[in-house]
Amino acid sequence: MAIEDYKPKFKLKKGDSAPNFLAINQNGDKIELKKIKSKWTILFFYPQDSTPTCTKEACNLRDHYEDLKSLDCSIFGISQDSESSHQKFISKNKLPYDLLVDSDNAIAISYDVYSKKKFMGIVYTGIHRTTYILDKNKKVHHIIYPVVSAVHHQQIIDLIAD
């Protein structure tokens, strides 16, 4: 198989309505996409709490949270980790935004970010680090793939400033 076979195949395109979802956050509160009221909704899908690259990405968004918030962005991290795992990840890294539980990967599947991956020669199915930027009407404004964890906030800012 070619490297392209291990990248996500995005069916959603710019201007498409984002799939609605109802998920619980780290505190067990229900979050429904269509009820989020902000100019921009940032959904960043990541493989696992407390892993090096995921922590780098989460902390980059934390460090620039006020910049993103000033642009009227609501930020949500999404992984298959549990509420308690999310609570620990938030507490350890002082994350100022919600992390959503996608234990069955239903949200990741609906956003085309759960598929075959290859890492160090091992093929498996998992979440591709991807960010969706949605506009106030919950339409896809942009899909960021690949994500550059160390400067992820700037990737977002550059795309909503266009």
Protein backbone atom coordinates (compact mmCIF):
# COMPACT_ATOMS: atom_id res chain seq x y z
CA MET A 1 0.00 0.00 0.00
CA ALA A 2 1.12 3.55 -0.69
CA ILE A 3 1.45 6.23 2.00
CA GLU A 4 -1.73 7.87 0.58
CA ASP A 5 -3.66 4.76 1.69
CA TYR A 6 -2.96 5.69 5.31
CA LYS A 7 -4.23 9.28 5.15
CA PRO A 8 -7.81 10.30 5.88
CA LYS A 9 -10.20 10.51 2.94
CA PHE A 10 -12.25 13.63 3.62
CA LYS A 11 -15.78 13.47 2.22
CA LEU A 12 -16.70 16.76 3.92
CA LYS A 13 -15.65 19.80 1.92
CA LYS A 14 -15.52 23.54 2.50
CA GLY A 15 -19.10 24.86 2.73
CA ASP A 16 -20.64 21.52 3.76
CA SER A 17 -22.75 21.37 6.91
CA ALA A 18 -20.78 19.74 9.71
CA PRO A 19 -22.34 16.60 11.18
CA ASN A 20 -24.14 17.46 14.40
CA PHE A 21 -23.22 15.46 17.50
CA LEU A 22 -24.06 15.18 21.16
CA ALA A 23 -21.11 14.28 23.36
CA ILE A 24 -20.11 14.55 27.00
CA ASN A 25 -17.19 16.61 28.17
CA GLN A 26 -14.71 15.91 30.95
CA ASN A 27 -17.37 16.78 33.57
CA GLY A 28 -20.16 14.68 32.09
CA ASP A 29 -21.93 17.76 30.69
CA LYS A 30 -23.68 17.27 27.34
CA ILE A 31 -22.33 19.34 24.46
CA GLU A 32 -24.29 19.51 21.21
CA LEU A 33 -22.57 21.04 18.21
CA LYS A 34 -25.61 22.94 16.91
CA LYS A 35 -26.04 24.67 20.29
CA ILE A 36 -22.54 26.19 20.34
CA LYS A 37 -22.84 29.94 19.91
CA SER A 38 -19.66 31.46 18.55
CA LYS A 39 -18.38 32.82 15.26
CA TRP A 40 -15.94 29.91 14.93
CA THR A 41 -16.00 26.39 16.35
CA ILE A 42 -12.66 24.60 16.45
CA LEU A 43 -12.86 20.79 16.67
CA PHE A 44 -9.44 19.29 17.09
CA PHE A 45 -9.33 15.52 16.87
CA TYR A 46 -6.33 13.90 18.54
CA PRO A 47 -5.32 10.29 19.23
CA GLN A 48 -4.78 10.14 23.00
CA ASP A 49 -4.54 12.19 26.17
CA SER A 50 -1.08 12.69 27.70
CA THR A 51 0.98 11.49 24.75
CA PRO A 52 3.85 13.77 23.68
CA THR A 53 2.49 15.20 20.42
CA CYS A 54 -1.09 15.46 21.71
CA THR A 55 0.17 17.31 24.78
CA LYS A 56 2.22 19.66 22.60
CA GLU A 57 -0.86 20.44 20.49
CA ALA A 58 -3.17 20.90 23.49
CA CYS A 59 -0.68 23.15 25.26
CA ASN A 60 -0.11 25.23 22.12
CA LEU A 61 -3.85 25.92 22.01
CA ARG A 62 -3.80 26.63 25.76
CA ASP A 63 -0.93 29.10 25.41
CA HIS A 64 -2.79 30.99 22.68
CA TYR A 65 -6.31 30.45 24.01
CA GLU A 66 -6.92 34.15 24.66
CA ASP A 67 -5.89 35.04 21.09
CA LEU A 68 -8.32 32.47 19.72
CA LYS A 69 -11.05 33.45 22.15
CA SER A 70 -10.68 37.11 21.09
CA LEU A 71 -11.59 35.95 17.56
CA ASP A 72 -14.79 34.37 18.99
CA CYS A 73 -13.56 30.77 18.76
CA SER A 74 -15.00 27.94 20.84
CA ILE A 75 -12.43 25.15 21.12
CA PHE A 76 -13.13 21.46 21.71
CA GLY A 77 -10.66 18.59 21.74
CA ILE A 78 -12.09 15.20 20.75
CA SER A 79 -10.62 11.78 21.43
CA GLN A 80 -11.82 8.37 22.54
CA ASP A 81 -10.45 8.89 26.06
CA SER A 82 -12.77 8.74 29.08
CA GLU A 83 -14.08 11.60 31.23
CA SER A 84 -11.56 10.78 33.96
CA SER A 85 -8.65 10.66 31.50
CA HIS A 86 -9.75 14.04 30.10
CA GLN A 87 -10.01 15.46 33.64
CA LYS A 88 -6.44 14.39 34.42
CA PHE A 89 -5.14 15.74 31.10
CA ILE A 90 -6.87 19.09 31.68
CA SER A 91 -5.71 19.32 35.29
CA LYS A 92 -2.10 18.39 34.55
CA ASN A 93 -1.81 20.84 31.66
CA LYS A 94 -4.22 23.57 32.85
CA LEU A 95 -6.27 23.40 29.66
CA PRO A 96 -8.96 26.14 29.51
CA TYR A 97 -11.29 24.40 27.03
CA ASP A 98 -13.47 21.28 26.98
CA LEU A 99 -12.38 17.84 25.89
CA LEU A 100 -15.14 15.63 24.49
CA VAL A 101 -15.49 11.87 24.92
CA ASP A 102 -15.87 9.90 21.68
CA SER A 103 -15.50 6.41 23.14
CA ASP A 104 -17.02 4.63 20.14
CA ASN A 105 -15.33 6.96 17.61
CA ALA A 106 -18.74 7.89 16.15
CA ILE A 107 -17.82 11.57 15.90
CA ALA A 108 -14.38 10.83 14.44
CA ILE A 109 -15.97 8.50 11.88
CA SER A 110 -18.58 11.11 10.88
CA TYR A 111 -15.75 13.63 10.34
CA ASP A 112 -13.65 11.12 8.33
CA VAL A 113 -10.71 11.15 10.75
CA TYR A 114 -10.90 7.53 11.99
CA SER A 115 -9.27 5.12 9.57
CA LYS A 116 -6.15 3.07 8.83
CA LYS A 117 -2.85 4.54 9.95
CA LYS A 118 0.73 3.36 9.71
CA PHE A 119 3.34 4.18 12.31
CA MET A 120 6.80 2.62 12.47
CA GLY A 121 5.68 -0.10 10.07
CA ILE A 122 2.61 -1.03 12.13
CA VAL A 123 -0.81 -0.67 10.50
CA TYR A 124 -3.78 0.01 12.78
CA THR A 125 -7.04 1.94 12.86
CA GLY A 126 -7.12 5.18 14.82
CA ILE A 127 -7.75 8.91 14.90
CA HIS A 128 -5.82 11.11 12.51
CA ARG A 129 -4.72 14.38 14.11
CA THR A 130 -7.03 16.76 12.26
CA THR A 131 -8.79 20.04 13.01
CA TYR A 132 -12.07 21.26 11.61
CA ILE A 133 -12.79 24.97 11.60
CA LEU A 134 -16.55 25.58 11.45
CA ASP A 135 -18.21 28.93 10.87
CA LYS A 136 -21.12 30.33 12.92
CA ASN A 137 -23.59 28.29 10.83
CA LYS A 138 -21.61 25.09 11.54
CA LYS A 139 -20.43 24.83 7.96
CA VAL A 140 -16.92 23.58 7.22
CA HIS A 141 -14.66 26.60 6.74
CA HIS A 142 -11.46 24.59 6.58
CA ILE A 143 -9.92 21.22 7.46
CA ILE A 144 -6.39 21.30 8.83
CA TYR A 145 -4.43 18.17 7.95
CA PRO A 146 -1.67 17.71 8.70
CA VAL A 147 -1.69 19.59 11.98
CA VAL A 148 1.62 21.09 13.11
CA SER A 149 1.25 20.75 16.88
CA ALA A 150 3.85 23.34 17.89
CA VAL A 151 2.18 26.14 15.89
CA HIS A 152 -1.36 24.87 15.62
CA HIS A 153 -2.91 28.11 16.88
CA GLN A 154 -1.28 29.98 13.99
CA GLN A 155 -2.60 27.48 11.46
CA ILE A 156 -6.09 28.25 12.80
CA ILE A 157 -5.63 32.03 12.94
CA ASP A 158 -4.25 32.13 9.39
CA LEU A 159 -7.32 30.30 8.07
CA ILE A 160 -9.98 32.35 9.86
CA ALA A 161 -8.30 35.62 8.96
CA ASP A 162 -8.63 34.94 5.22
